[in-house]
Amino acid sequence: MRIPKGKRALLKEGIRKPLGEADPRQTTTNRFRLRRASEFAEYELRLHPWRVFYRVRGSFVEVVLIGEKRGNTLFIAGKEFVL
């Protein structure tokens, strides 16, 4: 599943501000380190209903997964996903 075209610009802007302009390691209500270790990512950014999972490597931020949260289920590429 692709991100709908109309949502891509909003999602990019939502990612750029907290991860590009602020310290991506700093914990906020919508940006935090994952509680359980994951092979995929270290941090999560919530952009309702989207979830952006990323790693910080030195001064670089690597976005590794973007999914949509529906209820208690995370969907990535249209399939249910468990971190």
PDB file of N, CA and C in Angstrom:
ATOM      1  N   MET A   1       0.833  -1.168   0.000  1.00  0.00           N
ATOM      2  CA  MET A   1       0.000   0.000   0.000  1.00  0.00           C
ATOM      3  C   MET A   1       0.885   1.240   0.000  1.00  0.00           C
ATOM      4  N   ARG A   2       0.576   2.131  -0.854  1.00  0.00           N
ATOM      5  CA  ARG A   2       1.316   3.376  -0.923  1.00  0.00           C
ATOM      6  C   ARG A   2       0.607   4.431  -0.089  1.00  0.00           C
ATOM      7  N   ILE A   3       1.377   5.414   0.311  1.00  0.00           N
ATOM      8  CA  ILE A   3       0.801   6.527   1.045  1.00  0.00           C
ATOM      9  C   ILE A   3       0.042   7.381   0.039  1.00  0.00           C
ATOM     10  N   PRO A   4      -1.220   7.715   0.317  1.00  0.00           N
ATOM     11  CA  PRO A   4      -1.992   8.524  -0.619  1.00  0.00           C
ATOM     12  C   PRO A   4      -1.279   9.840  -0.938  1.00  0.00           C
ATOM     13  N   LYS A   5      -1.358  10.230  -2.194  1.00  0.00           N
ATOM     14  CA  LYS A   5      -0.641  11.413  -2.668  1.00  0.00           C
ATOM     15  C   LYS A   5      -0.941  12.652  -1.836  1.00  0.00           C
ATOM     16  N   GLY A   6      -2.188  12.863  -1.495  1.00  0.00           N
ATOM     17  CA  GLY A   6      -2.561  14.031  -0.710  1.00  0.00           C
ATOM     18  C   GLY A   6      -1.969  14.047   0.691  1.00  0.00           C
ATOM     19  N   LYS A   7      -1.615  12.886   1.205  1.00  0.00           N
ATOM     20  CA  LYS A   7      -1.069  12.785   2.566  1.00  0.00           C
ATOM     21  C   LYS A   7       0.457  12.870   2.588  1.00  0.00           C
ATOM     22  N   ARG A   8       1.110  12.607   1.454  1.00  0.00           N
ATOM     23  CA  ARG A   8       2.578  12.573   1.430  1.00  0.00           C
ATOM     24  C   ARG A   8       3.215  13.889   1.857  1.00  0.00           C
ATOM     25  N   ALA A   9       2.720  15.007   1.335  1.00  0.00           N
ATOM     26  CA  ALA A   9       3.303  16.309   1.691  1.00  0.00           C
ATOM     27  C   ALA A   9       3.122  16.591   3.179  1.00  0.00           C
ATOM     28  N   LEU A  10       1.949  16.283   3.716  1.00  0.00           N
ATOM     29  CA  LEU A  10       1.714  16.483   5.153  1.00  0.00           C
ATOM     30  C   LEU A  10       2.638  15.596   5.980  1.00  0.00           C
ATOM     31  N   LEU A  11       2.823  14.371   5.532  1.00  0.00           N
ATOM     32  CA  LEU A  11       3.690  13.434   6.248  1.00  0.00           C
ATOM     33  C   LEU A  11       5.146  13.906   6.192  1.00  0.00           C
ATOM     34  N   LYS A  12       5.603  14.344   5.023  1.00  0.00           N
ATOM     35  CA  LYS A  12       6.978  14.848   4.897  1.00  0.00           C
ATOM     36  C   LYS A  12       7.221  16.029   5.816  1.00  0.00           C
ATOM     37  N   GLU A  13       6.271  16.957   5.845  1.00  0.00           N
ATOM     38  CA  GLU A  13       6.404  18.126   6.716  1.00  0.00           C
ATOM     39  C   GLU A  13       6.363  17.701   8.184  1.00  0.00           C
ATOM     40  N   GLY A  14       5.503  16.751   8.498  1.00  0.00           N
ATOM     41  CA  GLY A  14       5.404  16.248   9.863  1.00  0.00           C
ATOM     42  C   GLY A  14       6.671  15.542  10.316  1.00  0.00           C
ATOM     43  N   ILE A  15       7.409  14.961   9.384  1.00  0.00           N
ATOM     44  CA  ILE A  15       8.676  14.304   9.704  1.00  0.00           C
ATOM     45  C   ILE A  15       9.802  15.332   9.784  1.00  0.00           C
ATOM     46  N   ARG A  16       9.827  16.257   8.860  1.00  0.00           N
ATOM     47  CA  ARG A  16      10.927  17.223   8.762  1.00  0.00           C
ATOM     48  C   ARG A  16      11.070  18.081  10.021  1.00  0.00           C
ATOM     49  N   LYS A  17       9.972  18.579  10.529  1.00  0.00           N
ATOM     50  CA  LYS A  17      10.065  19.472  11.693  1.00  0.00           C
ATOM     51  C   LYS A  17      10.626  18.788  12.930  1.00  0.00           C
ATOM     52  N   PRO A  18      10.022  17.699  13.411  1.00  0.00           N
ATOM     53  CA  PRO A  18      10.543  17.112  14.658  1.00  0.00           C
ATOM     54  C   PRO A  18      11.853  16.350  14.501  1.00  0.00           C
ATOM     55  N   LEU A  19      12.150  15.843  13.311  1.00  0.00           N
ATOM     56  CA  LEU A  19      13.370  15.058  13.149  1.00  0.00           C
ATOM     57  C   LEU A  19      14.499  15.845  12.503  1.00  0.00           C
ATOM     58  N   GLY A  20      14.182  16.845  11.710  1.00  0.00           N
ATOM     59  CA  GLY A  20      15.210  17.608  11.015  1.00  0.00           C
ATOM     60  C   GLY A  20      15.583  18.904  11.702  1.00  0.00           C
ATOM     61  N   GLU A  21      14.630  19.532  12.346  1.00  0.00           N
ATOM     62  CA  GLU A  21      14.881  20.826  12.964  1.00  0.00           C
ATOM     63  C   GLU A  21      15.101  20.736  14.468  1.00  0.00           C
ATOM     64  N   ALA A  22      14.643  19.675  15.084  1.00  0.00           N
ATOM     65  CA  ALA A  22      14.803  19.488  16.531  1.00  0.00           C
ATOM     66  C   ALA A  22      15.707  18.273  16.763  1.00  0.00           C
ATOM     67  N   ASP A  23      16.102  18.058  17.989  1.00  0.00           N
ATOM     68  CA  ASP A  23      16.918  16.894  18.332  1.00  0.00           C
ATOM     69  C   ASP A  23      16.042  15.646  18.246  1.00  0.00           C
ATOM     70  N   PRO A  24      16.314  14.740  17.301  1.00  0.00           N
ATOM     71  CA  PRO A  24      15.466  13.561  17.120  1.00  0.00           C
ATOM     72  C   PRO A  24      15.524  12.574  18.290  1.00  0.00           C
ATOM     73  N   ARG A  25      16.510  12.727  19.162  1.00  0.00           N
ATOM     74  CA  ARG A  25      16.627  11.832  20.324  1.00  0.00           C
ATOM     75  C   ARG A  25      15.823  12.331  21.521  1.00  0.00           C
ATOM     76  N   GLN A  26      15.437  13.597  21.499  1.00  0.00           N
ATOM     77  CA  GLN A  26      14.712  14.184  22.625  1.00  0.00           C
ATOM     78  C   GLN A  26      13.302  13.600  22.695  1.00  0.00           C
ATOM     79  N   THR A  27      12.901  13.163  23.861  1.00  0.00           N
ATOM     80  CA  THR A  27      11.578  12.583  24.064  1.00  0.00           C
ATOM     81  C   THR A  27      10.522  13.669  24.189  1.00  0.00           C
ATOM     82  N   THR A  28       9.441  13.483  23.445  1.00  0.00           N
ATOM     83  CA  THR A  28       8.269  14.343  23.561  1.00  0.00           C
ATOM     84  C   THR A  28       7.057  13.428  23.632  1.00  0.00           C
ATOM     85  N   THR A  29       5.878  14.010  23.667  1.00  0.00           N
ATOM     86  CA  THR A  29       4.655  13.209  23.707  1.00  0.00           C
ATOM     87  C   THR A  29       4.541  12.313  22.478  1.00  0.00           C
ATOM     88  N   ASN A  30       4.924  12.821  21.321  1.00  0.00           N
ATOM     89  CA  ASN A  30       4.757  12.076  20.069  1.00  0.00           C
ATOM     90  C   ASN A  30       6.055  11.529  19.489  1.00  0.00           C
ATOM     91  N   ARG A  31       7.166  11.728  20.176  1.00  0.00           N
ATOM     92  CA  ARG A  31       8.462  11.234  19.686  1.00  0.00           C
ATOM     93  C   ARG A  31       9.206  10.623  20.863  1.00  0.00           C
ATOM     94  N   PHE A  32       9.539   9.337  20.739  1.00  0.00           N
ATOM     95  CA  PHE A  32      10.148   8.654  21.877  1.00  0.00           C
ATOM     96  C   PHE A  32      10.904   7.408  21.439  1.00  0.00           C
ATOM     97  N   ARG A  33      11.765   6.927  22.341  1.00  0.00           N
ATOM     98  CA  ARG A  33      12.513   5.685  22.121  1.00  0.00           C
ATOM     99  C   ARG A  33      11.549   4.522  22.333  1.00  0.00           C
ATOM    100  N   LEU A  34      11.670   3.485  21.513  1.00  0.00           N
ATOM    101  CA  LEU A  34      10.817   2.307  21.658  1.00  0.00           C
ATOM    102  C   LEU A  34      11.094   1.635  23.003  1.00  0.00           C
ATOM    103  N   ARG A  35      10.057   1.159  23.643  1.00  0.00           N
ATOM    104  CA  ARG A  35      10.209   0.506  24.953  1.00  0.00           C
ATOM    105  C   ARG A  35      10.915  -0.831  24.842  1.00  0.00           C
ATOM    106  N   ARG A  36      10.575  -1.576  23.791  1.00  0.00           N
ATOM    107  CA  ARG A  36      11.219  -2.873  23.565  1.00  0.00           C
ATOM    108  C   ARG A  36      12.197  -2.743  22.406  1.00  0.00           C
ATOM    109  N   ALA A  37      13.325  -3.416  22.516  1.00  0.00           N
ATOM    110  CA  ALA A  37      14.316  -3.394  21.443  1.00  0.00           C
ATOM    111  C   ALA A  37      13.724  -3.980  20.168  1.00  0.00           C
ATOM    112  N   SER A  38      14.057  -3.382  19.041  1.00  0.00           N
ATOM    113  CA  SER A  38      13.562  -3.838  17.747  1.00  0.00           C
ATOM    114  C   SER A  38      14.723  -3.895  16.768  1.00  0.00           C
ATOM    115  N   GLU A  39      14.695  -4.856  15.892  1.00  0.00           N
ATOM    116  CA  GLU A  39      15.734  -4.949  14.868  1.00  0.00           C
ATOM    117  C   GLU A  39      15.539  -3.886  13.791  1.00  0.00           C
ATOM    118  N   PHE A  40      14.381  -3.272  13.753  1.00  0.00           N
ATOM    119  CA  PHE A  40      14.050  -2.329  12.698  1.00  0.00           C
ATOM    120  C   PHE A  40      14.388  -0.885  13.052  1.00  0.00           C
ATOM    121  N   ALA A  41      14.046  -0.444  14.242  1.00  0.00           N
ATOM    122  CA  ALA A  41      14.191   0.967  14.588  1.00  0.00           C
ATOM    123  C   ALA A  41      14.453   1.145  16.073  1.00  0.00           C
ATOM    124  N   GLU A  42      14.876   2.365  16.430  1.00  0.00           N
ATOM    125  CA  GLU A  42      15.119   2.713  17.825  1.00  0.00           C
ATOM    126  C   GLU A  42      14.050   3.655  18.367  1.00  0.00           C
ATOM    127  N   TYR A  43      13.476   4.474  17.482  1.00  0.00           N
ATOM    128  CA  TYR A  43      12.548   5.520  17.901  1.00  0.00           C
ATOM    129  C   TYR A  43      11.260   5.463  17.091  1.00  0.00           C
ATOM    130  N   GLU A  44      10.218   6.067  17.666  1.00  0.00           N
ATOM    131  CA  GLU A  44       8.927   6.180  17.000  1.00  0.00           C
ATOM    132  C   GLU A  44       8.457   7.627  17.041  1.00  0.00           C
ATOM    133  N   LEU A  45       7.886   8.065  15.931  1.00  0.00           N
ATOM    134  CA  LEU A  45       7.273   9.381  15.834  1.00  0.00           C
ATOM    135  C   LEU A  45       5.817   9.163  15.464  1.00  0.00           C
ATOM    136  N   ARG A  46       4.918   9.718  16.256  1.00  0.00           N
ATOM    137  CA  ARG A  46       3.481   9.584  15.979  1.00  0.00           C
ATOM    138  C   ARG A  46       2.990  10.804  15.220  1.00  0.00           C
ATOM    139  N   LEU A  47       2.379  10.554  14.077  1.00  0.00           N
ATOM    140  CA  LEU A  47       1.735  11.595  13.271  1.00  0.00           C
ATOM    141  C   LEU A  47       0.378  11.041  12.891  1.00  0.00           C
ATOM    142  N   HIS A  48      -0.578  11.219  13.755  1.00  0.00           N
ATOM    143  CA  HIS A  48      -1.886  10.563  13.654  1.00  0.00           C
ATOM    144  C   HIS A  48      -2.409  10.499  12.230  1.00  0.00           C
ATOM    145  N   PRO A  49      -2.755   9.348  11.685  1.00  0.00           N
ATOM    146  CA  PRO A  49      -2.695   7.987  12.203  1.00  0.00           C
ATOM    147  C   PRO A  49      -1.402   7.274  11.832  1.00  0.00           C
ATOM    148  N   TRP A  50      -0.415   8.034  11.360  1.00  0.00           N
ATOM    149  CA  TRP A  50       0.824   7.428  10.883  1.00  0.00           C
ATOM    150  C   TRP A  50       1.821   7.219  12.011  1.00  0.00           C
ATOM    151  N   ARG A  51       2.671   6.215  11.827  1.00  0.00           N
ATOM    152  CA  ARG A  51       3.776   5.947  12.744  1.00  0.00           C
ATOM    153  C   ARG A  51       5.048   5.897  11.907  1.00  0.00           C
ATOM    154  N   VAL A  52       6.031   6.691  12.306  1.00  0.00           N
ATOM    155  CA  VAL A  52       7.312   6.754  11.607  1.00  0.00           C
ATOM    156  C   VAL A  52       8.343   6.164  12.545  1.00  0.00           C
ATOM    157  N   PHE A  53       9.036   5.130  12.087  1.00  0.00           N
ATOM    158  CA  PHE A  53      10.054   4.466  12.895  1.00  0.00           C
ATOM    159  C   PHE A  53      11.413   4.819  12.305  1.00  0.00           C
ATOM    160  N   TYR A  54      12.344   5.206  13.177  1.00  0.00           N
ATOM    161  CA  TYR A  54      13.624   5.696  12.682  1.00  0.00           C
ATOM    162  C   TYR A  54      14.766   5.345  13.619  1.00  0.00           C
ATOM    163  N   ARG A  55      15.987   5.513  13.078  1.00  0.00           N
ATOM    164  CA  ARG A  55      17.233   5.333  13.831  1.00  0.00           C
ATOM    165  C   ARG A  55      18.017   6.629  13.729  1.00  0.00           C
ATOM    166  N   VAL A  56      18.858   6.881  14.704  1.00  0.00           N
ATOM    167  CA  VAL A  56      19.751   8.035  14.658  1.00  0.00           C
ATOM    168  C   VAL A  56      21.170   7.501  14.594  1.00  0.00           C
ATOM    169  N   ARG A  57      21.884   7.911  13.545  1.00  0.00           N
ATOM    170  CA  ARG A  57      23.277   7.495  13.334  1.00  0.00           C
ATOM    171  C   ARG A  57      24.129   8.752  13.288  1.00  0.00           C
ATOM    172  N   GLY A  58      24.750   9.084  14.411  1.00  0.00           N
ATOM    173  CA  GLY A  58      25.540  10.317  14.472  1.00  0.00           C
ATOM    174  C   GLY A  58      24.623  11.511  14.287  1.00  0.00           C
ATOM    175  N   SER A  59      24.845  12.276  13.215  1.00  0.00           N
ATOM    176  CA  SER A  59      23.999  13.441  12.939  1.00  0.00           C
ATOM    177  C   SER A  59      22.943  13.142  11.884  1.00  0.00           C
ATOM    178  N   PHE A  60      22.827  11.875  11.465  1.00  0.00           N
ATOM    179  CA  PHE A  60      21.860  11.487  10.441  1.00  0.00           C
ATOM    180  C   PHE A  60      20.668  10.752  11.049  1.00  0.00           C
ATOM    181  N   VAL A  61      19.511  11.016  10.512  1.00  0.00           N
ATOM    182  CA  VAL A  61      18.289  10.319  10.906  1.00  0.00           C
ATOM    183  C   VAL A  61      17.887   9.436   9.737  1.00  0.00           C
ATOM    184  N   GLU A  62      17.718   8.151  10.004  1.00  0.00           N
ATOM    185  CA  GLU A  62      17.335   7.191   8.979  1.00  0.00           C
ATOM    186  C   GLU A  62      15.913   6.705   9.258  1.00  0.00           C
ATOM    187  N   VAL A  63      14.974   7.113   8.411  1.00  0.00           N
ATOM    188  CA  VAL A  63      13.597   6.638   8.531  1.00  0.00           C
ATOM    189  C   VAL A  63      13.559   5.254   7.917  1.00  0.00           C
ATOM    190  N   VAL A  64      13.158   4.245   8.701  1.00  0.00           N
ATOM    191  CA  VAL A  64      13.198   2.868   8.209  1.00  0.00           C
ATOM    192  C   VAL A  64      11.820   2.301   7.907  1.00  0.00           C
ATOM    193  N   LEU A  65      10.786   2.752   8.598  1.00  0.00           N
ATOM    194  CA  LEU A  65       9.432   2.253   8.360  1.00  0.00           C
ATOM    195  C   LEU A  65       8.413   3.365   8.569  1.00  0.00           C
ATOM    196  N   ILE A  66       7.387   3.365   7.726  1.00  0.00           N
ATOM    197  CA  ILE A  66       6.252   4.259   7.911  1.00  0.00           C
ATOM    198  C   ILE A  66       5.007   3.399   7.804  1.00  0.00           C
ATOM    199  N   GLY A  67       4.184   3.452   8.829  1.00  0.00           N
ATOM    200  CA  GLY A  67       2.980   2.629   8.836  1.00  0.00           C
ATOM    201  C   GLY A  67       1.779   3.413   9.309  1.00  0.00           C
ATOM    202  N   GLU A  68       0.629   2.786   9.162  1.00  0.00           N
ATOM    203  CA  GLU A  68      -0.621   3.399   9.598  1.00  0.00           C
ATOM    204  C   GLU A  68      -1.184   2.603  10.760  1.00  0.00           C
ATOM    205  N   LYS A  69      -1.556   3.295  11.811  1.00  0.00           N
ATOM    206  CA  LYS A  69      -2.116   2.646  12.991  1.00  0.00           C
ATOM    207  C   LYS A  69      -3.636   2.681  12.895  1.00  0.00           C
ATOM    208  N   ARG A  70      -4.253   1.512  12.978  1.00  0.00           N
ATOM    209  CA  ARG A  70      -5.715   1.399  13.003  1.00  0.00           C
ATOM    210  C   ARG A  70      -6.082   0.611  14.250  1.00  0.00           C
ATOM    211  N   GLY A  71      -6.654   1.293  15.219  1.00  0.00           N
ATOM    212  CA  GLY A  71      -6.939   0.637  16.497  1.00  0.00           C
ATOM    213  C   GLY A  71      -5.635   0.264  17.165  1.00  0.00           C
ATOM    214  N   ASN A  72      -5.488  -1.001  17.517  1.00  0.00           N
ATOM    215  CA  ASN A  72      -4.254  -1.486  18.134  1.00  0.00           C
ATOM    216  C   ASN A  72      -3.340  -2.176  17.134  1.00  0.00           C
ATOM    217  N   THR A  73      -3.634  -2.046  15.844  1.00  0.00           N
ATOM    218  CA  THR A  73      -2.886  -2.766  14.822  1.00  0.00           C
ATOM    219  C   THR A  73      -2.110  -1.797  13.945  1.00  0.00           C
ATOM    220  N   LEU A  74      -0.847  -2.140  13.683  1.00  0.00           N
ATOM    221  CA  LEU A  74       0.006  -1.357  12.800  1.00  0.00           C
ATOM    222  C   LEU A  74       0.024  -2.023  11.431  1.00  0.00           C
ATOM    223  N   PHE A  75      -0.204  -1.242  10.387  1.00  0.00           N
ATOM    224  CA  PHE A  75      -0.159  -1.748   9.024  1.00  0.00           C
ATOM    225  C   PHE A  75       0.973  -1.063   8.278  1.00  0.00           C
ATOM    226  N   ILE A  76       1.831  -1.874   7.686  1.00  0.00           N
ATOM    227  CA  ILE A  76       2.907  -1.371   6.829  1.00  0.00           C
ATOM    228  C   ILE A  76       2.777  -2.099   5.510  1.00  0.00           C
ATOM    229  N   ALA A  77       2.749  -1.329   4.432  1.00  0.00           N
ATOM    230  CA  ALA A  77       2.556  -1.875   3.083  1.00  0.00           C
ATOM    231  C   ALA A  77       1.264  -2.677   3.006  1.00  0.00           C
ATOM    232  N   GLY A  78       0.235  -2.231   3.738  1.00  0.00           N
ATOM    233  CA  GLY A  78      -1.078  -2.855   3.681  1.00  0.00           C
ATOM    234  C   GLY A  78      -1.213  -4.149   4.459  1.00  0.00           C
ATOM    235  N   LYS A  79      -0.151  -4.562   5.143  1.00  0.00           N
ATOM    236  CA  LYS A  79      -0.184  -5.809   5.906  1.00  0.00           C
ATOM    237  C   LYS A  79       0.053  -5.537   7.383  1.00  0.00           C
ATOM    238  N   GLU A  80      -0.558  -6.351   8.223  1.00  0.00           N
ATOM    239  CA  GLU A  80      -0.360  -6.228   9.659  1.00  0.00           C
ATOM    240  C   GLU A  80       1.110  -6.458   9.970  1.00  0.00           C
ATOM    241  N   PHE A  81       1.663  -5.626  10.850  1.00  0.00           N
ATOM    242  CA  PHE A  81       3.096  -5.667  11.133  1.00  0.00           C
ATOM    243  C   PHE A  81       3.322  -5.625  12.643  1.00  0.00           C
ATOM    244  N   VAL A  82       4.255  -6.422  13.117  1.00  0.00           N
ATOM    245  CA  VAL A  82       4.627  -6.427  14.529  1.00  0.00           C
ATOM    246  C   VAL A  82       6.106  -6.072  14.622  1.00  0.00           C
ATOM    247  N   LEU A  83       6.406  -5.053  15.428  1.00  0.00           N
ATOM    248  CA  LEU A  83       7.813  -4.648  15.604  1.00  0.00           C
ATOM    249  C   LEU A  83       8.579  -5.662  16.411  1.00  0.00           C
TER     250      LEU A  83
END
